[in-house]
Amino acid sequence: MAIAFYPCCGVDIKEPLILLRDFVDDVIFCDIDTRLSKSWRRIVAHAESGSPSPTFLVGDVNEIVQQLPVINVLFYRRDSTGEGGSGVFVLGDSVLPPILQHFPAIGGLIITDGSNSRGSNFKRMIRSAGLIKHGWKFSMASQQPFMKACRLHVINVTGLSPPPSEL
């Protein structure tokens, strides 16, 4: 069973369930806003059949990540540091490593638009040489099914064994 994790999701539920249906069986949505629960239930009630099963967790991503099962796909988009955005740098060096700890040793995927990137992690992940960091290799997947319609990058995340020193 494959699982996706979508932190700081807001009410972006229905389309991610459709986009991820060929990749995972379950999607764990997370947001700190307690007022979203009612909206989430309403959106899921109208979700397409055949979509992954959703789970909703309310809380800070830095605390929720400790409760996660194995994560095969990190999905993250449409976030910002401005009003209405989370201000959480999911692809940054403080949030990403705890999420990666839940990836299987063989790796997984990140599907993202690169929003709320801190430093140059995202830009380096999508360059031709990719990025080696935190014991993982990040590189663009050969297939990019969401680029044209959604501007989402599919990034392969491959575990390195043994982990190299930080480069």
N, C-alpha and C. Protein backbone atom coordinates (compact mmCIF):
# COMPACT_ATOMS: atom_id res chain seq x y z
N MET A 1 0.85 -1.17 0.00
CA MET A 1 0.00 0.00 0.00
C MET A 1 0.89 1.24 0.00
N ALA A 2 0.69 2.12 -0.95
CA ALA A 2 1.49 3.34 -1.07
C ALA A 2 0.72 4.51 -0.45
N ILE A 3 1.47 5.40 0.22
CA ILE A 3 0.87 6.52 0.94
C ILE A 3 1.55 7.82 0.53
N ALA A 4 0.73 8.85 0.32
CA ALA A 4 1.23 10.20 0.06
C ALA A 4 0.96 11.07 1.28
N PHE A 5 1.81 12.06 1.46
CA PHE A 5 1.66 13.03 2.54
C PHE A 5 1.61 14.42 1.92
N TYR A 6 0.57 15.20 2.27
CA TYR A 6 0.40 16.55 1.76
C TYR A 6 0.29 17.51 2.94
N PRO A 7 1.42 18.08 3.37
CA PRO A 7 1.39 19.05 4.48
C PRO A 7 0.92 20.42 4.01
N CYS A 8 0.36 21.20 4.94
CA CYS A 8 -0.05 22.58 4.67
C CYS A 8 -1.00 22.64 3.49
N CYS A 9 -2.00 21.74 3.48
CA CYS A 9 -2.85 21.55 2.30
C CYS A 9 -4.01 22.54 2.19
N GLY A 10 -4.44 23.15 3.29
CA GLY A 10 -5.62 24.01 3.23
C GLY A 10 -6.81 23.20 2.78
N VAL A 11 -7.54 23.70 1.77
CA VAL A 11 -8.69 22.97 1.23
C VAL A 11 -8.38 22.37 -0.15
N ASP A 12 -7.11 22.24 -0.46
CA ASP A 12 -6.68 21.65 -1.72
C ASP A 12 -6.72 20.12 -1.58
N ILE A 13 -7.91 19.55 -1.74
CA ILE A 13 -8.13 18.13 -1.47
C ILE A 13 -8.54 17.36 -2.73
N LYS A 14 -9.57 17.83 -3.39
CA LYS A 14 -10.18 17.08 -4.48
C LYS A 14 -9.21 16.81 -5.63
N GLU A 15 -8.55 17.83 -6.14
CA GLU A 15 -7.64 17.64 -7.27
C GLU A 15 -6.43 16.77 -6.91
N PRO A 16 -5.79 16.96 -5.74
CA PRO A 16 -4.69 16.05 -5.39
C PRO A 16 -5.13 14.58 -5.33
N LEU A 17 -6.35 14.31 -4.87
CA LEU A 17 -6.83 12.92 -4.86
C LEU A 17 -6.89 12.37 -6.28
N ILE A 18 -7.30 13.20 -7.22
CA ILE A 18 -7.37 12.77 -8.63
C ILE A 18 -5.95 12.60 -9.18
N LEU A 19 -5.08 13.57 -8.94
CA LEU A 19 -3.72 13.52 -9.47
C LEU A 19 -2.93 12.33 -8.94
N LEU A 20 -3.17 11.97 -7.70
CA LEU A 20 -2.36 10.94 -7.05
C LEU A 20 -2.92 9.52 -7.19
N ARG A 21 -4.06 9.36 -7.83
CA ARG A 21 -4.70 8.04 -7.86
C ARG A 21 -3.88 6.95 -8.54
N ASP A 22 -3.00 7.31 -9.45
CA ASP A 22 -2.15 6.30 -10.09
C ASP A 22 -0.86 6.04 -9.32
N PHE A 23 -0.65 6.77 -8.22
CA PHE A 23 0.59 6.67 -7.47
C PHE A 23 0.43 6.05 -6.09
N VAL A 24 -0.71 6.32 -5.43
CA VAL A 24 -0.89 5.89 -4.04
C VAL A 24 -2.30 5.37 -3.78
N ASP A 25 -2.43 4.68 -2.67
CA ASP A 25 -3.73 4.18 -2.22
C ASP A 25 -4.36 5.10 -1.20
N ASP A 26 -3.51 5.81 -0.44
CA ASP A 26 -3.98 6.71 0.63
C ASP A 26 -3.23 8.03 0.56
N VAL A 27 -3.91 9.10 0.95
CA VAL A 27 -3.28 10.42 1.06
C VAL A 27 -3.55 10.95 2.45
N ILE A 28 -2.48 11.33 3.14
CA ILE A 28 -2.59 11.96 4.45
C ILE A 28 -2.47 13.46 4.24
N PHE A 29 -3.56 14.17 4.49
CA PHE A 29 -3.59 15.62 4.39
C PHE A 29 -3.34 16.20 5.77
N CYS A 30 -2.61 17.29 5.83
CA CYS A 30 -2.27 17.90 7.12
C CYS A 30 -2.34 19.42 7.00
N ASP A 31 -2.93 20.05 8.00
CA ASP A 31 -2.94 21.50 8.09
C ASP A 31 -3.13 21.88 9.55
N ILE A 32 -2.63 23.04 9.92
CA ILE A 32 -2.71 23.49 11.31
C ILE A 32 -4.05 24.14 11.63
N ASP A 33 -4.81 24.53 10.60
CA ASP A 33 -6.06 25.26 10.79
C ASP A 33 -7.19 24.31 11.21
N THR A 34 -7.61 24.39 12.45
CA THR A 34 -8.66 23.50 12.98
C THR A 34 -10.01 23.74 12.33
N ARG A 35 -10.21 24.89 11.71
CA ARG A 35 -11.51 25.20 11.09
C ARG A 35 -11.72 24.45 9.78
N LEU A 36 -10.71 23.76 9.27
CA LEU A 36 -10.82 23.09 7.98
C LEU A 36 -11.56 21.77 8.02
N SER A 37 -11.70 21.18 9.18
CA SER A 37 -12.30 19.84 9.28
C SER A 37 -13.64 19.73 8.57
N LYS A 38 -14.51 20.70 8.76
CA LYS A 38 -15.84 20.66 8.15
C LYS A 38 -15.74 20.73 6.62
N SER A 39 -14.87 21.60 6.11
CA SER A 39 -14.67 21.71 4.66
C SER A 39 -14.10 20.42 4.09
N TRP A 40 -13.15 19.83 4.80
CA TRP A 40 -12.55 18.58 4.33
C TRP A 40 -13.62 17.50 4.16
N ARG A 41 -14.49 17.35 5.14
CA ARG A 41 -15.53 16.32 5.06
C ARG A 41 -16.45 16.56 3.86
N ARG A 42 -16.80 17.81 3.62
CA ARG A 42 -17.69 18.15 2.51
C ARG A 42 -17.01 17.86 1.16
N ILE A 43 -15.74 18.19 1.04
CA ILE A 43 -15.01 17.95 -0.21
C ILE A 43 -14.90 16.45 -0.48
N VAL A 44 -14.58 15.68 0.54
CA VAL A 44 -14.42 14.23 0.37
C VAL A 44 -15.74 13.57 0.02
N ALA A 45 -16.83 14.10 0.52
CA ALA A 45 -18.15 13.53 0.21
C ALA A 45 -18.44 13.60 -1.29
N HIS A 46 -17.80 14.53 -1.98
CA HIS A 46 -18.01 14.69 -3.41
C HIS A 46 -16.81 14.24 -4.24
N ALA A 47 -15.90 13.50 -3.63
CA ALA A 47 -14.70 13.02 -4.34
C ALA A 47 -15.08 11.93 -5.34
N GLU A 48 -14.28 11.83 -6.38
CA GLU A 48 -14.51 10.82 -7.41
C GLU A 48 -14.22 9.43 -6.87
N SER A 49 -14.98 8.46 -7.35
CA SER A 49 -14.68 7.08 -6.95
C SER A 49 -13.37 6.66 -7.61
N GLY A 50 -12.68 5.75 -6.97
CA GLY A 50 -11.38 5.32 -7.47
C GLY A 50 -10.24 6.18 -6.99
N SER A 51 -10.55 7.22 -6.25
CA SER A 51 -9.51 8.09 -5.70
C SER A 51 -8.89 7.43 -4.48
N PRO A 52 -7.67 7.83 -4.12
CA PRO A 52 -7.08 7.31 -2.89
C PRO A 52 -7.92 7.68 -1.68
N SER A 53 -7.80 6.89 -0.63
CA SER A 53 -8.52 7.18 0.61
C SER A 53 -7.83 8.33 1.34
N PRO A 54 -8.59 9.35 1.76
CA PRO A 54 -7.98 10.47 2.47
C PRO A 54 -7.99 10.27 3.99
N THR A 55 -6.96 10.76 4.62
CA THR A 55 -6.88 10.87 6.08
C THR A 55 -6.52 12.31 6.37
N PHE A 56 -7.15 12.90 7.39
CA PHE A 56 -6.90 14.30 7.72
C PHE A 56 -6.33 14.42 9.12
N LEU A 57 -5.22 15.13 9.21
CA LEU A 57 -4.58 15.38 10.50
C LEU A 57 -4.47 16.88 10.70
N VAL A 58 -4.96 17.34 11.85
CA VAL A 58 -4.89 18.76 12.17
C VAL A 58 -3.75 18.95 13.16
N GLY A 59 -2.82 19.82 12.78
CA GLY A 59 -1.71 20.13 13.66
C GLY A 59 -0.53 20.68 12.89
N ASP A 60 0.48 21.05 13.61
CA ASP A 60 1.71 21.58 13.04
C ASP A 60 2.46 20.45 12.34
N VAL A 61 2.89 20.69 11.11
CA VAL A 61 3.57 19.64 10.34
C VAL A 61 4.79 19.10 11.07
N ASN A 62 5.48 19.95 11.82
CA ASN A 62 6.67 19.50 12.54
C ASN A 62 6.34 18.51 13.66
N GLU A 63 5.12 18.56 14.17
CA GLU A 63 4.68 17.60 15.19
C GLU A 63 4.00 16.39 14.53
N ILE A 64 3.18 16.64 13.51
CA ILE A 64 2.46 15.57 12.82
C ILE A 64 3.43 14.60 12.17
N VAL A 65 4.53 15.11 11.63
CA VAL A 65 5.47 14.25 10.90
C VAL A 65 5.97 13.11 11.78
N GLN A 66 6.02 13.31 13.07
CA GLN A 66 6.49 12.26 13.98
C GLN A 66 5.51 11.08 14.03
N GLN A 67 4.25 11.30 13.67
CA GLN A 67 3.21 10.26 13.73
C GLN A 67 3.04 9.51 12.41
N LEU A 68 3.76 9.91 11.39
CA LEU A 68 3.53 9.37 10.05
C LEU A 68 3.98 7.92 9.92
N PRO A 69 3.24 7.17 9.09
CA PRO A 69 3.70 5.83 8.71
C PRO A 69 4.74 5.99 7.59
N VAL A 70 5.01 4.94 6.85
CA VAL A 70 5.89 5.04 5.69
C VAL A 70 5.22 5.95 4.67
N ILE A 71 5.99 6.87 4.10
CA ILE A 71 5.50 7.80 3.10
C ILE A 71 6.22 7.51 1.79
N ASN A 72 5.45 7.28 0.74
CA ASN A 72 6.02 6.99 -0.57
C ASN A 72 6.09 8.23 -1.47
N VAL A 73 5.18 9.18 -1.22
CA VAL A 73 5.12 10.40 -2.04
C VAL A 73 4.88 11.59 -1.13
N LEU A 74 5.72 12.60 -1.27
CA LEU A 74 5.48 13.90 -0.64
C LEU A 74 4.86 14.77 -1.72
N PHE A 75 3.64 15.26 -1.47
CA PHE A 75 2.94 16.14 -2.40
C PHE A 75 2.86 17.50 -1.74
N TYR A 76 3.27 18.55 -2.47
CA TYR A 76 3.29 19.88 -1.85
C TYR A 76 3.21 20.94 -2.93
N ARG A 77 2.20 21.80 -2.84
CA ARG A 77 2.04 22.86 -3.84
C ARG A 77 1.23 24.02 -3.29
N ARG A 78 1.25 25.11 -4.07
CA ARG A 78 0.39 26.29 -3.86
C ARG A 78 0.48 26.88 -2.45
N ASP A 79 1.65 26.89 -1.88
CA ASP A 79 1.83 27.46 -0.56
C ASP A 79 2.67 28.72 -0.68
N SER A 80 2.62 29.56 0.34
CA SER A 80 3.39 30.79 0.31
C SER A 80 3.73 31.23 1.73
N THR A 81 4.53 32.27 1.80
CA THR A 81 4.84 32.87 3.09
C THR A 81 3.92 34.05 3.36
N GLY A 82 3.10 34.42 2.39
CA GLY A 82 2.20 35.56 2.53
C GLY A 82 0.94 35.21 3.29
N GLU A 83 0.03 36.18 3.34
CA GLU A 83 -1.24 35.99 4.04
C GLU A 83 -2.00 34.83 3.41
N GLY A 84 -2.47 33.91 4.25
CA GLY A 84 -3.17 32.73 3.78
C GLY A 84 -2.25 31.55 3.52
N GLY A 85 -0.96 31.81 3.46
CA GLY A 85 0.01 30.72 3.26
C GLY A 85 0.49 30.21 4.61
N SER A 86 1.15 29.08 4.58
CA SER A 86 1.60 28.47 5.82
C SER A 86 2.87 29.10 6.36
N GLY A 87 3.72 29.61 5.47
CA GLY A 87 5.02 30.11 5.91
C GLY A 87 5.96 28.98 6.31
N VAL A 88 5.60 27.73 6.01
CA VAL A 88 6.42 26.57 6.34
C VAL A 88 7.22 26.19 5.10
N PHE A 89 8.53 26.05 5.27
CA PHE A 89 9.41 25.72 4.16
C PHE A 89 9.57 24.20 4.09
N VAL A 90 8.57 23.53 3.53
CA VAL A 90 8.52 22.07 3.51
C VAL A 90 9.74 21.46 2.81
N LEU A 91 10.24 22.11 1.78
CA LEU A 91 11.39 21.59 1.05
C LEU A 91 12.72 22.09 1.63
N GLY A 92 12.64 22.79 2.75
CA GLY A 92 13.84 23.33 3.38
C GLY A 92 14.54 22.32 4.28
N ASP A 93 15.69 22.72 4.79
CA ASP A 93 16.55 21.82 5.56
C ASP A 93 16.06 21.49 6.96
N SER A 94 15.03 22.17 7.45
CA SER A 94 14.53 21.80 8.79
C SER A 94 13.28 20.93 8.73
N VAL A 95 12.45 21.08 7.71
CA VAL A 95 11.20 20.31 7.62
C VAL A 95 11.38 19.04 6.78
N LEU A 96 12.12 19.12 5.70
CA LEU A 96 12.24 17.98 4.80
C LEU A 96 12.90 16.74 5.42
N PRO A 97 14.02 16.87 6.15
CA PRO A 97 14.65 15.65 6.70
C PRO A 97 13.73 14.79 7.58
N PRO A 98 12.93 15.36 8.48
CA PRO A 98 12.03 14.49 9.25
C PRO A 98 10.99 13.77 8.38
N ILE A 99 10.57 14.39 7.28
CA ILE A 99 9.65 13.73 6.36
C ILE A 99 10.37 12.58 5.65
N LEU A 100 11.60 12.83 5.21
CA LEU A 100 12.38 11.81 4.50
C LEU A 100 12.64 10.59 5.38
N GLN A 101 12.67 10.77 6.68
CA GLN A 101 12.87 9.64 7.59
C GLN A 101 11.75 8.62 7.47
N HIS A 102 10.61 9.03 6.90
CA HIS A 102 9.47 8.14 6.74
C HIS A 102 9.40 7.52 5.34
N PHE A 103 10.32 7.90 4.46
CA PHE A 103 10.40 7.28 3.13
C PHE A 103 11.01 5.89 3.29
N PRO A 104 10.58 4.93 2.46
CA PRO A 104 11.24 3.63 2.50
C PRO A 104 12.70 3.78 2.05
N ALA A 105 13.54 2.86 2.45
CA ALA A 105 14.97 2.93 2.12
C ALA A 105 15.22 3.04 0.62
N ILE A 106 14.35 2.42 -0.19
CA ILE A 106 14.54 2.48 -1.64
C ILE A 106 14.15 3.84 -2.21
N GLY A 107 13.43 4.65 -1.43
CA GLY A 107 13.08 5.98 -1.88
C GLY A 107 11.61 6.14 -2.21
N GLY A 108 11.33 7.22 -2.91
CA GLY A 108 9.95 7.55 -3.26
C GLY A 108 9.95 8.73 -4.22
N LEU A 109 8.88 9.52 -4.13
CA LEU A 109 8.72 10.67 -5.02
C LEU A 109 8.37 11.92 -4.23
N ILE A 110 8.76 13.06 -4.78
CA ILE A 110 8.22 14.35 -4.36
C ILE A 110 7.53 14.92 -5.58
N ILE A 111 6.28 15.30 -5.42
CA ILE A 111 5.52 15.95 -6.48
C ILE A 111 5.21 17.35 -5.97
N THR A 112 5.77 18.36 -6.64
CA THR A 112 5.70 19.72 -6.10
C THR A 112 5.81 20.78 -7.19
N ASP A 113 5.33 21.96 -6.85
CA ASP A 113 5.55 23.13 -7.69
C ASP A 113 6.72 23.96 -7.17
N GLY A 114 7.33 23.49 -6.08
CA GLY A 114 8.48 24.18 -5.51
C GLY A 114 8.12 25.34 -4.61
N SER A 115 6.85 25.49 -4.27
CA SER A 115 6.44 26.62 -3.44
C SER A 115 7.12 26.57 -2.07
N ASN A 116 7.30 27.75 -1.51
CA ASN A 116 7.94 27.93 -0.20
C ASN A 116 9.31 27.26 -0.12
N SER A 117 10.05 27.31 -1.21
CA SER A 117 11.40 26.74 -1.19
C SER A 117 12.32 27.66 -0.40
N ARG A 118 13.13 27.07 0.39
CA ARG A 118 14.11 27.84 1.16
C ARG A 118 15.48 27.44 0.64
N GLY A 119 16.33 28.43 0.53
CA GLY A 119 17.64 28.14 -0.02
C GLY A 119 17.50 27.75 -1.47
N SER A 120 18.29 26.83 -1.90
CA SER A 120 18.24 26.43 -3.31
C SER A 120 17.89 24.95 -3.48
N ASN A 121 17.33 24.33 -2.45
CA ASN A 121 17.05 22.90 -2.54
C ASN A 121 16.22 22.53 -3.76
N PHE A 122 15.08 23.19 -3.94
CA PHE A 122 14.20 22.84 -5.05
C PHE A 122 14.89 23.06 -6.39
N LYS A 123 15.53 24.19 -6.58
CA LYS A 123 16.21 24.48 -7.84
C LYS A 123 17.28 23.43 -8.13
N ARG A 124 17.96 22.98 -7.10
CA ARG A 124 19.00 21.96 -7.28
C ARG A 124 18.39 20.58 -7.52
N MET A 125 17.23 20.30 -6.94
CA MET A 125 16.56 19.01 -7.16
C MET A 125 16.18 18.83 -8.62
N ILE A 126 15.77 19.91 -9.28
CA ILE A 126 15.25 19.80 -10.65
C ILE A 126 16.31 20.08 -11.71
N ARG A 127 17.52 20.41 -11.33
CA ARG A 127 18.57 20.61 -12.34
C ARG A 127 19.01 19.24 -12.86
N SER A 128 19.72 19.23 -13.97
CA SER A 128 20.10 17.95 -14.59
C SER A 128 20.98 17.09 -13.68
N ALA A 129 21.83 17.70 -12.87
CA ALA A 129 22.69 16.93 -11.96
C ALA A 129 21.96 16.49 -10.69
N GLY A 130 20.81 17.06 -10.44
CA GLY A 130 20.05 16.73 -9.23
C GLY A 130 20.72 17.27 -7.98
N LEU A 131 20.38 16.68 -6.85
CA LEU A 131 20.89 17.13 -5.55
C LEU A 131 21.13 15.91 -4.67
N ILE A 132 22.26 15.88 -3.99
CA ILE A 132 22.51 14.87 -2.97
C ILE A 132 22.55 15.61 -1.64
N LYS A 133 21.64 15.21 -0.74
CA LYS A 133 21.54 15.89 0.55
C LYS A 133 20.76 15.02 1.52
N HIS A 134 21.10 15.07 2.78
CA HIS A 134 20.39 14.35 3.83
C HIS A 134 20.38 12.84 3.61
N GLY A 135 21.38 12.30 2.88
CA GLY A 135 21.44 10.87 2.63
C GLY A 135 20.54 10.40 1.49
N TRP A 136 20.09 11.34 0.66
CA TRP A 136 19.19 11.02 -0.44
C TRP A 136 19.67 11.69 -1.73
N LYS A 137 19.34 11.10 -2.84
CA LYS A 137 19.58 11.69 -4.15
C LYS A 137 18.23 12.13 -4.71
N PHE A 138 18.15 13.39 -5.10
CA PHE A 138 16.94 13.97 -5.68
C PHE A 138 17.22 14.24 -7.15
N SER A 139 16.35 13.75 -8.04
CA SER A 139 16.54 13.99 -9.47
C SER A 139 15.19 13.98 -10.17
N MET A 140 15.12 14.73 -11.24
CA MET A 140 13.87 14.79 -12.01
C MET A 140 13.55 13.41 -12.58
N ALA A 141 12.30 13.02 -12.44
CA ALA A 141 11.84 11.75 -13.02
C ALA A 141 11.80 11.89 -14.54
N SER A 142 11.99 10.79 -15.23
CA SER A 142 11.96 10.85 -16.69
C SER A 142 10.57 11.19 -17.21
N GLN A 143 9.55 10.77 -16.49
CA GLN A 143 8.17 11.08 -16.87
C GLN A 143 7.68 12.26 -16.02
N GLN A 144 7.12 13.27 -16.67
CA GLN A 144 6.61 14.46 -15.99
C GLN A 144 5.14 14.66 -16.38
N PRO A 145 4.23 13.82 -15.86
CA PRO A 145 2.84 13.85 -16.31
C PRO A 145 2.05 15.10 -15.89
N PHE A 146 2.54 15.86 -14.93
CA PHE A 146 1.78 17.00 -14.42
C PHE A 146 2.36 18.35 -14.81
N MET A 147 3.46 18.35 -15.54
CA MET A 147 4.15 19.60 -15.84
C MET A 147 3.30 20.53 -16.68
N LYS A 148 2.74 20.03 -17.74
CA LYS A 148 2.01 20.90 -18.66
C LYS A 148 0.72 21.45 -18.04
N ALA A 149 -0.08 20.59 -17.45
CA ALA A 149 -1.39 21.00 -16.94
C ALA A 149 -1.31 21.69 -15.57
N CYS A 150 -0.39 21.24 -14.71
CA CYS A 150 -0.38 21.73 -13.32
C CYS A 150 0.93 22.36 -12.88
N ARG A 151 1.93 22.32 -13.72
CA ARG A 151 3.26 22.83 -13.38
C ARG A 151 3.84 22.18 -12.13
N LEU A 152 3.59 20.89 -12.02
CA LEU A 152 4.12 20.11 -10.90
C LEU A 152 5.27 19.25 -11.39
N HIS A 153 6.37 19.29 -10.66
CA HIS A 153 7.55 18.50 -10.96
C HIS A 153 7.46 17.17 -10.22
N VAL A 154 7.82 16.09 -10.88
CA VAL A 154 7.94 14.79 -10.23
C VAL A 154 9.43 14.55 -10.03
N ILE A 155 9.81 14.40 -8.76
CA ILE A 155 11.21 14.26 -8.39
C ILE A 155 11.42 12.89 -7.76
N ASN A 156 12.36 12.13 -8.30
CA ASN A 156 12.73 10.85 -7.70
C ASN A 156 13.58 11.11 -6.47
N VAL A 157 13.29 10.38 -5.41
CA VAL A 157 14.07 10.45 -4.18
C VAL A 157 14.62 9.05 -3.95
N THR A 158 15.93 8.92 -4.00
CA THR A 158 16.57 7.62 -3.88
C THR A 158 17.50 7.62 -2.68
N GLY A 159 17.33 6.62 -1.81
CA GLY A 159 18.18 6.51 -0.64
C GLY A 159 19.59 6.11 -1.01
N LEU A 160 20.56 6.72 -0.36
CA LEU A 160 21.96 6.39 -0.58
C LEU A 160 22.44 5.54 0.58
N SER A 161 23.20 4.52 0.25
CA SER A 161 23.67 3.62 1.30
C SER A 161 25.14 3.33 1.09
N PRO A 162 25.97 3.61 2.02
CA PRO A 162 25.70 4.38 3.23
C PRO A 162 25.56 5.86 2.87
N PRO A 163 24.86 6.64 3.74
CA PRO A 163 24.69 8.06 3.44
C PRO A 163 26.04 8.76 3.30
N PRO A 164 26.19 9.56 2.21
CA PRO A 164 27.44 10.29 2.04
C PRO A 164 27.48 11.48 2.98
N SER A 165 28.65 12.03 3.17
CA SER A 165 28.71 13.27 3.95
C SER A 165 28.00 14.34 3.16
N GLU A 166 27.52 15.34 3.84
CA GLU A 166 26.78 16.42 3.16
C GLU A 166 27.66 17.05 2.09
N LEU A 167 27.11 17.18 0.89
CA LEU A 167 27.84 17.79 -0.21
C LEU A 167 27.35 19.17 -0.47
